[in-house]
Amino acid sequence: MPTITTNDLKTGITLELDNGLFQVVEFQHVKPGKGGAFVRTKLRNIKSGNVFDRTFNAGIKVEQAIINRDDMQFLYRDGDDYVFMNNTTYEQLNVQPVALGDTADYLVEGMTAQVAFFNDEIIGVEIPASVELTIVDTEPGLQGDRKTGATKPATLETGKVVHVPLFVEAGEKIRVDTRTGDYMTRV
C-alpha cells in the first residue's frame, strides 16, 4: 500500500483510513497566521456514499488505496444481482445492487461500464456522464409549448422516471445526464 502525505492529496484519490475506504471530493491547504498548516478535506465513504469533512495536519502520512478498474459489459439481471462480463477474459461476475448505487437506474443490457475493485472486492461501477435510453411510457405530447419550460414525467426502459419537455413522446430515445438524472436532449 503506497503511503502519501496530506500535502500530496488530489481530488479523486482514494484513501484507506482506519474506518474504511474514502475518496477525496475536495481539499484545501490552509496556512493560518498562527499555528501549523493543515489540510481541510471533504471525503466520500466508498461503501455508503456519505460525504463528511475531515481535517488533517499538513505533512502527516496516509495510506493511498490502489483501485483497479476493468471495462465490463452488463449482460443481465439475475434476481437482485447484476451480471457483468470482463471484456478481455470473458469472466462473469455478479455485482450486488449496493455496489451500483444510482448507476442501476441507467444500465441497459450490452452497456459497457468500468467496474472498480479494491483487493478483489467490487466497490463501484462507473458509467458515462450521459446515456441514451428509450422512453417506454409518458403522457401524449403537446406541440407548440416550447417556451414555458413545462415538463412531464416519463418512464425509461430501465424503470427510472425523468422529467421531459411536453413535446417528447413515448418510444423516442433521449439522452439523460447520469450525474443528475436530468433530461438533456432527444437523440
N, C-alpha and C. Protein backbone atom coordinates (compact mmCIF):
# COMPACT_ATOMS: atom_id res chain seq x y z
N MET A 1 0.84 -1.18 0.00
CA MET A 1 0.00 0.00 0.00
C MET A 1 0.89 1.25 0.00
N PRO A 2 0.79 2.11 -1.00
CA PRO A 2 1.64 3.30 -1.00
C PRO A 2 1.20 4.29 0.07
N THR A 3 2.17 4.91 0.69
CA THR A 3 1.90 5.94 1.69
C THR A 3 2.19 7.29 1.06
N ILE A 4 1.27 8.22 1.22
CA ILE A 4 1.47 9.58 0.73
C ILE A 4 1.27 10.53 1.90
N THR A 5 1.68 11.77 1.73
CA THR A 5 1.43 12.76 2.79
C THR A 5 0.19 13.56 2.41
N THR A 6 -0.37 14.24 3.37
CA THR A 6 -1.56 15.04 3.11
C THR A 6 -1.25 16.19 2.15
N ASN A 7 0.02 16.54 1.98
CA ASN A 7 0.40 17.56 1.00
C ASN A 7 0.21 17.07 -0.43
N ASP A 8 0.15 15.73 -0.62
CA ASP A 8 0.01 15.15 -1.96
C ASP A 8 -1.44 14.86 -2.35
N LEU A 9 -2.40 15.20 -1.49
CA LEU A 9 -3.80 14.89 -1.78
C LEU A 9 -4.27 15.60 -3.04
N LYS A 10 -5.10 14.90 -3.81
CA LYS A 10 -5.72 15.44 -5.01
C LYS A 10 -7.16 14.95 -5.06
N THR A 11 -8.00 15.67 -5.75
CA THR A 11 -9.39 15.25 -5.92
C THR A 11 -9.42 13.92 -6.66
N GLY A 12 -10.22 12.98 -6.15
CA GLY A 12 -10.36 11.67 -6.79
C GLY A 12 -9.50 10.58 -6.19
N ILE A 13 -8.47 10.94 -5.42
CA ILE A 13 -7.62 9.93 -4.79
C ILE A 13 -8.44 9.15 -3.76
N THR A 14 -8.22 7.86 -3.67
CA THR A 14 -8.90 7.03 -2.68
C THR A 14 -7.93 6.70 -1.55
N LEU A 15 -8.40 6.93 -0.32
CA LEU A 15 -7.57 6.69 0.86
C LEU A 15 -8.13 5.53 1.67
N GLU A 16 -7.22 4.75 2.27
CA GLU A 16 -7.65 3.71 3.21
C GLU A 16 -7.35 4.23 4.61
N LEU A 17 -8.40 4.61 5.32
CA LEU A 17 -8.26 5.12 6.68
C LEU A 17 -8.73 4.04 7.65
N ASP A 18 -8.65 4.34 8.94
CA ASP A 18 -8.99 3.36 9.98
C ASP A 18 -10.36 2.73 9.78
N ASN A 19 -11.34 3.53 9.36
CA ASN A 19 -12.71 3.03 9.30
C ASN A 19 -13.21 2.79 7.88
N GLY A 20 -12.33 2.52 6.91
CA GLY A 20 -12.78 2.16 5.57
C GLY A 20 -12.09 2.90 4.45
N LEU A 21 -12.72 2.84 3.25
CA LEU A 21 -12.21 3.50 2.05
C LEU A 21 -12.94 4.81 1.82
N PHE A 22 -12.18 5.85 1.48
CA PHE A 22 -12.75 7.17 1.28
C PHE A 22 -12.13 7.83 0.06
N GLN A 23 -12.96 8.49 -0.74
CA GLN A 23 -12.47 9.21 -1.91
C GLN A 23 -12.46 10.70 -1.60
N VAL A 24 -11.38 11.39 -1.99
CA VAL A 24 -11.26 12.83 -1.76
C VAL A 24 -12.15 13.54 -2.77
N VAL A 25 -13.17 14.28 -2.26
CA VAL A 25 -14.08 15.04 -3.11
C VAL A 25 -13.53 16.46 -3.30
N GLU A 26 -13.04 17.05 -2.21
CA GLU A 26 -12.46 18.40 -2.24
C GLU A 26 -11.33 18.43 -1.22
N PHE A 27 -10.37 19.33 -1.45
CA PHE A 27 -9.32 19.52 -0.45
C PHE A 27 -8.84 20.96 -0.54
N GLN A 28 -8.33 21.45 0.59
CA GLN A 28 -7.82 22.81 0.63
C GLN A 28 -6.68 22.87 1.64
N HIS A 29 -5.52 23.35 1.19
CA HIS A 29 -4.39 23.55 2.09
C HIS A 29 -4.58 24.90 2.77
N VAL A 30 -4.48 24.92 4.11
CA VAL A 30 -4.69 26.14 4.87
C VAL A 30 -3.45 26.42 5.70
N LYS A 31 -2.94 27.65 5.59
CA LYS A 31 -1.78 28.07 6.38
C LYS A 31 -2.21 29.30 7.17
N PRO A 32 -2.67 29.08 8.40
CA PRO A 32 -3.11 30.23 9.20
C PRO A 32 -1.90 31.06 9.66
N GLY A 33 -2.18 32.26 10.08
CA GLY A 33 -1.10 33.14 10.58
C GLY A 33 -0.41 32.55 11.79
N LYS A 34 -1.19 31.96 12.68
CA LYS A 34 -0.62 31.32 13.87
C LYS A 34 -0.84 29.82 13.77
N GLY A 35 0.04 29.06 14.33
CA GLY A 35 -0.12 27.60 14.36
C GLY A 35 0.36 26.96 13.08
N GLY A 36 0.25 25.62 13.04
CA GLY A 36 0.74 24.86 11.90
C GLY A 36 -0.27 24.80 10.76
N ALA A 37 0.23 24.50 9.59
CA ALA A 37 -0.63 24.35 8.42
C ALA A 37 -1.46 23.07 8.55
N PHE A 38 -2.61 23.05 7.86
CA PHE A 38 -3.44 21.86 7.86
C PHE A 38 -4.14 21.73 6.52
N VAL A 39 -4.74 20.56 6.29
CA VAL A 39 -5.46 20.29 5.05
C VAL A 39 -6.91 19.98 5.41
N ARG A 40 -7.82 20.79 4.88
CA ARG A 40 -9.25 20.59 5.09
C ARG A 40 -9.77 19.78 3.90
N THR A 41 -10.45 18.66 4.15
CA THR A 41 -10.94 17.81 3.06
C THR A 41 -12.42 17.50 3.20
N LYS A 42 -13.03 17.16 2.08
CA LYS A 42 -14.35 16.54 2.06
C LYS A 42 -14.10 15.14 1.52
N LEU A 43 -14.51 14.13 2.28
CA LEU A 43 -14.29 12.73 1.92
C LEU A 43 -15.64 12.04 1.71
N ARG A 44 -15.69 11.15 0.70
CA ARG A 44 -16.90 10.36 0.45
C ARG A 44 -16.60 8.91 0.80
N ASN A 45 -17.42 8.35 1.69
CA ASN A 45 -17.30 6.95 2.05
C ASN A 45 -17.67 6.11 0.83
N ILE A 46 -16.77 5.26 0.37
CA ILE A 46 -16.98 4.46 -0.85
C ILE A 46 -18.19 3.53 -0.70
N LYS A 47 -18.36 2.92 0.46
CA LYS A 47 -19.44 1.94 0.64
C LYS A 47 -20.81 2.60 0.81
N SER A 48 -20.88 3.65 1.66
CA SER A 48 -22.19 4.24 1.96
C SER A 48 -22.51 5.45 1.09
N GLY A 49 -21.49 6.10 0.53
CA GLY A 49 -21.73 7.30 -0.27
C GLY A 49 -21.82 8.57 0.54
N ASN A 50 -21.77 8.46 1.89
CA ASN A 50 -21.87 9.64 2.74
C ASN A 50 -20.64 10.53 2.58
N VAL A 51 -20.86 11.84 2.57
CA VAL A 51 -19.77 12.81 2.45
C VAL A 51 -19.64 13.54 3.79
N PHE A 52 -18.40 13.70 4.24
CA PHE A 52 -18.17 14.41 5.50
C PHE A 52 -16.86 15.18 5.41
N ASP A 53 -16.69 16.13 6.33
CA ASP A 53 -15.47 16.93 6.39
C ASP A 53 -14.48 16.29 7.36
N ARG A 54 -13.19 16.37 7.01
CA ARG A 54 -12.14 15.90 7.91
C ARG A 54 -10.92 16.78 7.72
N THR A 55 -10.29 17.13 8.81
CA THR A 55 -9.11 17.98 8.77
C THR A 55 -7.89 17.15 9.18
N PHE A 56 -6.81 17.28 8.40
CA PHE A 56 -5.55 16.60 8.68
C PHE A 56 -4.48 17.65 8.92
N ASN A 57 -3.53 17.36 9.80
CA ASN A 57 -2.35 18.21 9.92
C ASN A 57 -1.54 18.07 8.63
N ALA A 58 -0.92 19.15 8.21
CA ALA A 58 -0.13 19.11 6.97
C ALA A 58 1.06 18.18 7.15
N GLY A 59 1.33 17.37 6.13
CA GLY A 59 2.51 16.53 6.12
C GLY A 59 2.38 15.18 6.78
N ILE A 60 1.23 14.84 7.40
CA ILE A 60 1.12 13.52 8.01
C ILE A 60 0.91 12.48 6.92
N LYS A 61 1.28 11.25 7.22
CA LYS A 61 1.20 10.18 6.23
C LYS A 61 -0.17 9.50 6.28
N VAL A 62 -0.72 9.21 5.08
CA VAL A 62 -1.98 8.47 4.95
C VAL A 62 -1.77 7.38 3.90
N GLU A 63 -2.57 6.33 3.97
CA GLU A 63 -2.47 5.20 3.04
C GLU A 63 -3.33 5.46 1.81
N GLN A 64 -2.73 5.43 0.64
CA GLN A 64 -3.48 5.55 -0.60
C GLN A 64 -3.92 4.16 -1.03
N ALA A 65 -5.21 3.99 -1.29
CA ALA A 65 -5.74 2.70 -1.74
C ALA A 65 -5.57 2.61 -3.26
N ILE A 66 -5.09 1.47 -3.72
CA ILE A 66 -4.94 1.25 -5.15
C ILE A 66 -6.22 0.60 -5.67
N ILE A 67 -6.90 1.32 -6.56
CA ILE A 67 -8.16 0.87 -7.13
C ILE A 67 -7.89 0.41 -8.56
N ASN A 68 -8.27 -0.82 -8.87
CA ASN A 68 -8.16 -1.34 -10.24
C ASN A 68 -9.51 -1.21 -10.92
N ARG A 69 -9.49 -0.82 -12.19
CA ARG A 69 -10.73 -0.68 -12.96
C ARG A 69 -10.65 -1.55 -14.21
N ASP A 70 -11.72 -2.28 -14.47
CA ASP A 70 -11.81 -3.11 -15.67
C ASP A 70 -13.06 -2.72 -16.45
N ASP A 71 -12.93 -2.66 -17.79
CA ASP A 71 -14.10 -2.45 -18.64
C ASP A 71 -14.88 -3.75 -18.67
N MET A 72 -16.16 -3.66 -18.34
CA MET A 72 -17.01 -4.84 -18.32
C MET A 72 -18.34 -4.51 -18.98
N GLN A 73 -18.95 -5.53 -19.56
CA GLN A 73 -20.22 -5.36 -20.23
C GLN A 73 -21.33 -5.88 -19.33
N PHE A 74 -22.40 -5.06 -19.18
CA PHE A 74 -23.56 -5.51 -18.41
C PHE A 74 -24.35 -6.48 -19.27
N LEU A 75 -24.57 -7.71 -18.75
CA LEU A 75 -25.27 -8.73 -19.51
C LEU A 75 -26.76 -8.80 -19.16
N TYR A 76 -27.08 -9.03 -17.89
CA TYR A 76 -28.49 -9.21 -17.50
C TYR A 76 -28.59 -9.15 -15.97
N ARG A 77 -29.85 -9.12 -15.50
CA ARG A 77 -30.11 -9.19 -14.06
C ARG A 77 -30.37 -10.64 -13.68
N ASP A 78 -29.82 -11.03 -12.53
CA ASP A 78 -30.02 -12.38 -12.01
C ASP A 78 -30.57 -12.22 -10.60
N GLY A 79 -31.90 -12.23 -10.49
CA GLY A 79 -32.51 -11.93 -9.19
C GLY A 79 -32.24 -10.46 -8.87
N ASP A 80 -31.64 -10.21 -7.70
CA ASP A 80 -31.28 -8.85 -7.33
C ASP A 80 -29.93 -8.43 -7.92
N ASP A 81 -29.08 -9.40 -8.24
CA ASP A 81 -27.73 -9.11 -8.72
C ASP A 81 -27.71 -8.68 -10.18
N TYR A 82 -26.64 -7.99 -10.54
CA TYR A 82 -26.39 -7.58 -11.91
C TYR A 82 -25.18 -8.37 -12.40
N VAL A 83 -25.28 -9.00 -13.58
CA VAL A 83 -24.21 -9.84 -14.09
C VAL A 83 -23.42 -9.05 -15.14
N PHE A 84 -22.10 -8.94 -14.90
CA PHE A 84 -21.18 -8.26 -15.80
C PHE A 84 -20.18 -9.26 -16.34
N MET A 85 -19.68 -9.00 -17.58
CA MET A 85 -18.67 -9.86 -18.18
C MET A 85 -17.43 -9.02 -18.48
N ASN A 86 -16.26 -9.53 -18.08
CA ASN A 86 -15.00 -8.88 -18.39
C ASN A 86 -14.78 -8.96 -19.89
N ASN A 87 -14.47 -7.81 -20.52
CA ASN A 87 -14.35 -7.76 -21.98
C ASN A 87 -13.10 -8.46 -22.52
N THR A 88 -12.11 -8.74 -21.67
CA THR A 88 -10.90 -9.41 -22.17
C THR A 88 -10.84 -10.88 -21.77
N THR A 89 -11.26 -11.21 -20.54
CA THR A 89 -11.17 -12.61 -20.09
C THR A 89 -12.49 -13.37 -20.23
N TYR A 90 -13.58 -12.66 -20.51
CA TYR A 90 -14.93 -13.23 -20.63
C TYR A 90 -15.43 -13.85 -19.33
N GLU A 91 -14.78 -13.53 -18.22
CA GLU A 91 -15.22 -13.99 -16.90
C GLU A 91 -16.47 -13.20 -16.51
N GLN A 92 -17.44 -13.89 -15.91
CA GLN A 92 -18.67 -13.22 -15.49
C GLN A 92 -18.67 -13.03 -13.97
N LEU A 93 -19.14 -11.85 -13.55
CA LEU A 93 -19.21 -11.51 -12.13
C LEU A 93 -20.60 -11.03 -11.77
N ASN A 94 -21.07 -11.44 -10.60
CA ASN A 94 -22.33 -10.91 -10.07
C ASN A 94 -22.01 -9.72 -9.19
N VAL A 95 -22.69 -8.60 -9.46
CA VAL A 95 -22.49 -7.37 -8.70
C VAL A 95 -23.75 -7.09 -7.91
N GLN A 96 -23.58 -6.85 -6.61
CA GLN A 96 -24.71 -6.56 -5.74
C GLN A 96 -25.22 -5.14 -6.00
N PRO A 97 -26.52 -4.90 -5.84
CA PRO A 97 -27.08 -3.57 -6.09
C PRO A 97 -26.43 -2.46 -5.26
N VAL A 98 -25.96 -2.77 -4.03
CA VAL A 98 -25.35 -1.75 -3.18
C VAL A 98 -24.08 -1.18 -3.81
N ALA A 99 -23.35 -1.98 -4.59
CA ALA A 99 -22.13 -1.50 -5.25
C ALA A 99 -22.46 -0.60 -6.43
N LEU A 100 -23.67 -0.73 -6.97
CA LEU A 100 -24.07 0.08 -8.12
C LEU A 100 -24.61 1.45 -7.72
N GLY A 101 -25.36 1.50 -6.62
CA GLY A 101 -25.98 2.76 -6.23
C GLY A 101 -26.95 3.23 -7.30
N ASP A 102 -26.90 4.53 -7.63
CA ASP A 102 -27.80 5.11 -8.63
C ASP A 102 -27.48 4.67 -10.05
N THR A 103 -26.30 4.09 -10.26
CA THR A 103 -25.91 3.63 -11.59
C THR A 103 -26.91 2.62 -12.13
N ALA A 104 -27.55 1.84 -11.27
CA ALA A 104 -28.50 0.82 -11.70
C ALA A 104 -29.67 1.43 -12.48
N ASP A 105 -29.99 2.69 -12.23
CA ASP A 105 -31.10 3.35 -12.92
C ASP A 105 -30.83 3.58 -14.40
N TYR A 106 -29.57 3.43 -14.82
CA TYR A 106 -29.20 3.76 -16.20
C TYR A 106 -28.62 2.58 -16.97
N LEU A 107 -28.55 1.40 -16.36
CA LEU A 107 -27.94 0.24 -17.02
C LEU A 107 -28.92 -0.46 -17.95
N VAL A 108 -28.49 -0.65 -19.20
CA VAL A 108 -29.25 -1.46 -20.15
C VAL A 108 -28.33 -2.58 -20.64
N GLU A 109 -28.92 -3.70 -21.03
CA GLU A 109 -28.14 -4.85 -21.46
C GLU A 109 -27.22 -4.47 -22.62
N GLY A 110 -25.96 -4.91 -22.53
CA GLY A 110 -24.99 -4.63 -23.56
C GLY A 110 -24.14 -3.39 -23.30
N MET A 111 -24.51 -2.59 -22.30
CA MET A 111 -23.77 -1.37 -22.00
C MET A 111 -22.41 -1.70 -21.36
N THR A 112 -21.38 -0.95 -21.72
CA THR A 112 -20.05 -1.13 -21.13
C THR A 112 -19.89 -0.16 -19.96
N ALA A 113 -19.35 -0.65 -18.86
CA ALA A 113 -19.12 0.16 -17.67
C ALA A 113 -17.75 -0.18 -17.10
N GLN A 114 -17.22 0.70 -16.26
CA GLN A 114 -15.95 0.42 -15.57
C GLN A 114 -16.28 -0.07 -14.17
N VAL A 115 -15.82 -1.28 -13.86
CA VAL A 115 -16.04 -1.85 -12.53
C VAL A 115 -14.76 -1.63 -11.73
N ALA A 116 -14.91 -1.01 -10.55
CA ALA A 116 -13.76 -0.69 -9.70
C ALA A 116 -13.60 -1.76 -8.62
N PHE A 117 -12.34 -2.23 -8.46
CA PHE A 117 -12.02 -3.28 -7.49
C PHE A 117 -11.00 -2.75 -6.49
N PHE A 118 -11.14 -3.19 -5.23
CA PHE A 118 -10.13 -2.97 -4.21
C PHE A 118 -9.92 -4.31 -3.51
N ASN A 119 -8.71 -4.86 -3.59
CA ASN A 119 -8.42 -6.19 -3.02
C ASN A 119 -9.43 -7.24 -3.48
N ASP A 120 -9.69 -7.29 -4.78
CA ASP A 120 -10.62 -8.23 -5.41
C ASP A 120 -12.07 -8.09 -4.95
N GLU A 121 -12.41 -7.00 -4.28
CA GLU A 121 -13.79 -6.73 -3.88
C GLU A 121 -14.32 -5.61 -4.75
N ILE A 122 -15.53 -5.78 -5.30
CA ILE A 122 -16.13 -4.75 -6.14
C ILE A 122 -16.61 -3.62 -5.24
N ILE A 123 -16.13 -2.41 -5.51
CA ILE A 123 -16.51 -1.27 -4.68
C ILE A 123 -17.34 -0.24 -5.44
N GLY A 124 -17.47 -0.39 -6.76
CA GLY A 124 -18.27 0.57 -7.50
C GLY A 124 -18.30 0.26 -8.99
N VAL A 125 -19.27 0.87 -9.66
CA VAL A 125 -19.42 0.74 -11.09
C VAL A 125 -19.61 2.14 -11.65
N GLU A 126 -18.78 2.50 -12.65
CA GLU A 126 -18.85 3.84 -13.24
C GLU A 126 -19.33 3.72 -14.68
N ILE A 127 -20.27 4.61 -15.04
CA ILE A 127 -20.79 4.65 -16.41
C ILE A 127 -20.53 6.04 -16.98
N PRO A 128 -20.74 6.22 -18.29
CA PRO A 128 -20.51 7.54 -18.88
C PRO A 128 -21.39 8.62 -18.24
N ALA A 129 -21.00 9.89 -18.43
CA ALA A 129 -21.74 11.01 -17.84
C ALA A 129 -23.14 11.16 -18.43
N SER A 130 -23.35 10.63 -19.65
CA SER A 130 -24.69 10.65 -20.23
C SER A 130 -24.93 9.33 -20.98
N VAL A 131 -26.18 8.90 -20.99
CA VAL A 131 -26.55 7.67 -21.68
C VAL A 131 -27.81 7.92 -22.51
N GLU A 132 -27.99 7.09 -23.54
CA GLU A 132 -29.18 7.17 -24.39
C GLU A 132 -30.13 6.05 -23.99
N LEU A 133 -31.37 6.44 -23.63
CA LEU A 133 -32.37 5.48 -23.20
C LEU A 133 -33.68 5.75 -23.91
N THR A 134 -34.52 4.72 -24.04
CA THR A 134 -35.80 4.84 -24.71
C THR A 134 -36.90 5.08 -23.69
N ILE A 135 -37.82 5.97 -24.03
CA ILE A 135 -38.99 6.24 -23.18
C ILE A 135 -40.02 5.16 -23.46
N VAL A 136 -40.48 4.47 -22.42
CA VAL A 136 -41.49 3.42 -22.61
C VAL A 136 -42.90 3.91 -22.27
N ASP A 137 -43.01 4.97 -21.45
CA ASP A 137 -44.34 5.45 -21.09
C ASP A 137 -44.27 6.92 -20.71
N THR A 138 -45.18 7.70 -21.31
CA THR A 138 -45.35 9.11 -20.93
C THR A 138 -46.70 9.56 -21.47
N GLU A 139 -47.18 10.70 -20.99
CA GLU A 139 -48.44 11.24 -21.49
C GLU A 139 -48.25 11.68 -22.95
N PRO A 140 -49.34 11.76 -23.71
CA PRO A 140 -49.21 12.21 -25.11
C PRO A 140 -48.56 13.60 -25.17
N GLY A 141 -47.81 13.82 -26.23
CA GLY A 141 -47.07 15.07 -26.39
C GLY A 141 -47.96 16.22 -26.82
N LEU A 142 -47.49 17.42 -26.53
CA LEU A 142 -48.17 18.64 -26.95
C LEU A 142 -47.22 19.42 -27.85
N GLN A 143 -47.71 19.84 -28.99
CA GLN A 143 -46.88 20.63 -29.90
C GLN A 143 -47.01 22.11 -29.56
N GLY A 144 -45.96 22.85 -29.82
CA GLY A 144 -46.02 24.31 -29.72
C GLY A 144 -45.63 24.89 -28.38
N ASP A 145 -45.78 24.18 -27.28
CA ASP A 145 -45.48 24.76 -25.96
C ASP A 145 -44.01 24.51 -25.61
N ARG A 146 -43.12 25.24 -26.27
CA ARG A 146 -41.69 25.02 -26.06
C ARG A 146 -41.05 26.12 -25.22
N LYS A 147 -41.74 27.22 -25.01
CA LYS A 147 -41.13 28.36 -24.31
C LYS A 147 -41.33 28.34 -22.81
N THR A 148 -42.39 27.71 -22.33
CA THR A 148 -42.68 27.77 -20.90
C THR A 148 -41.76 26.90 -20.06
N GLY A 149 -41.12 25.92 -20.69
CA GLY A 149 -40.24 25.03 -19.94
C GLY A 149 -41.01 24.00 -19.13
N ALA A 150 -42.30 23.82 -19.46
CA ALA A 150 -43.11 22.84 -18.74
C ALA A 150 -42.61 21.43 -19.04
N THR A 151 -42.70 20.56 -18.05
CA THR A 151 -42.24 19.18 -18.22
C THR A 151 -43.32 18.21 -17.77
N LYS A 152 -43.10 16.95 -18.12
CA LYS A 152 -43.99 15.87 -17.71
C LYS A 152 -43.13 14.67 -17.35
N PRO A 153 -43.62 13.76 -16.49
CA PRO A 153 -42.83 12.57 -16.15
C PRO A 153 -42.82 11.57 -17.29
N ALA A 154 -41.68 10.90 -17.46
CA ALA A 154 -41.55 9.86 -18.48
C ALA A 154 -40.80 8.69 -17.87
N THR A 155 -41.29 7.47 -18.10
CA THR A 155 -40.65 6.27 -17.59
C THR A 155 -39.71 5.73 -18.67
N LEU A 156 -38.44 5.49 -18.28
CA LEU A 156 -37.45 4.98 -19.23
C LEU A 156 -37.45 3.46 -19.24
N GLU A 157 -36.72 2.86 -20.19
CA GLU A 157 -36.66 1.41 -20.31
C GLU A 157 -36.08 0.72 -19.09
N THR A 158 -35.33 1.45 -18.26
CA THR A 158 -34.76 0.88 -17.04
C THR A 158 -35.70 0.99 -15.85
N GLY A 159 -36.81 1.71 -16.01
CA GLY A 159 -37.74 1.93 -14.91
C GLY A 159 -37.57 3.29 -14.24
N LYS A 160 -36.49 3.98 -14.54
CA LYS A 160 -36.22 5.31 -13.98
C LYS A 160 -37.23 6.30 -14.55
N VAL A 161 -37.74 7.21 -13.72
CA VAL A 161 -38.66 8.25 -14.16
C VAL A 161 -37.90 9.58 -14.19
N VAL A 162 -37.94 10.25 -15.35
CA VAL A 162 -37.31 11.57 -15.50
C VAL A 162 -38.36 12.54 -16.02
N HIS A 163 -38.08 13.83 -15.86
CA HIS A 163 -38.97 14.86 -16.37
C HIS A 163 -38.45 15.31 -17.73
N VAL A 164 -39.36 15.30 -18.72
CA VAL A 164 -39.00 15.65 -20.09
C VAL A 164 -39.92 16.78 -20.57
N PRO A 165 -39.51 17.52 -21.62
CA PRO A 165 -40.40 18.55 -22.18
C PRO A 165 -41.70 17.93 -22.71
N LEU A 166 -42.74 18.77 -22.83
CA LEU A 166 -44.06 18.27 -23.22
C LEU A 166 -44.10 17.64 -24.60
N PHE A 167 -43.21 18.05 -25.53
CA PHE A 167 -43.26 17.55 -26.90
C PHE A 167 -42.63 16.17 -27.08
N VAL A 168 -41.96 15.63 -26.06
CA VAL A 168 -41.30 14.32 -26.17
C VAL A 168 -42.35 13.22 -26.05
N GLU A 169 -42.26 12.20 -26.92
CA GLU A 169 -43.26 11.14 -26.99
C GLU A 169 -42.70 9.80 -26.51
N ALA A 170 -43.59 8.87 -26.17
CA ALA A 170 -43.18 7.50 -25.84
C ALA A 170 -42.57 6.86 -27.07
N GLY A 171 -41.54 6.02 -26.88
CA GLY A 171 -40.86 5.36 -27.98
C GLY A 171 -39.64 6.11 -28.48
N GLU A 172 -39.49 7.37 -28.09
CA GLU A 172 -38.33 8.16 -28.53
C GLU A 172 -37.13 7.86 -27.65
N LYS A 173 -35.94 8.01 -28.23
CA LYS A 173 -34.69 7.89 -27.47
C LYS A 173 -34.29 9.27 -26.99
N ILE A 174 -33.87 9.35 -25.72
CA ILE A 174 -33.40 10.62 -25.17
C ILE A 174 -32.03 10.41 -24.52
N ARG A 175 -31.30 11.49 -24.34
CA ARG A 175 -30.03 11.45 -23.63
C ARG A 175 -30.29 11.99 -22.23
N VAL A 176 -29.80 11.23 -21.22
CA VAL A 176 -30.00 11.59 -19.81
C VAL A 176 -28.64 11.76 -19.14
N ASP A 177 -28.50 12.80 -18.33
CA ASP A 177 -27.28 13.04 -17.55
C ASP A 177 -27.30 12.09 -16.35
N THR A 178 -26.32 11.17 -16.28
CA THR A 178 -26.32 10.16 -15.22
C THR A 178 -25.90 10.71 -13.88
N ARG A 179 -25.30 11.91 -13.85
CA ARG A 179 -24.89 12.50 -12.57
C ARG A 179 -26.06 13.16 -11.87
N THR A 180 -27.00 13.76 -12.66
CA THR A 180 -28.10 14.49 -12.07
C THR A 180 -29.46 13.83 -12.31
N GLY A 181 -29.54 12.94 -13.33
CA GLY A 181 -30.81 12.32 -13.68
C GLY A 181 -31.68 13.22 -14.53
N ASP A 182 -31.11 14.27 -15.11
CA ASP A 182 -31.88 15.24 -15.89
C ASP A 182 -31.90 14.89 -17.37
N TYR A 183 -33.02 15.21 -18.01
CA TYR A 183 -33.15 15.10 -19.47
C TYR A 183 -32.20 16.09 -20.12
N MET A 184 -31.50 15.66 -21.18
CA MET A 184 -30.60 16.56 -21.89
C MET A 184 -31.15 16.93 -23.26
N THR A 185 -31.46 15.90 -24.09
CA THR A 185 -31.93 16.16 -25.45
C THR A 185 -32.53 14.89 -26.03
N ARG A 186 -33.26 15.06 -27.15
CA ARG A 186 -33.71 13.90 -27.91
C ARG A 186 -32.55 13.42 -28.76
N VAL A 187 -32.55 12.13 -29.07
CA VAL A 187 -31.47 11.57 -29.90
C VAL A 187 -32.03 11.29 -31.30
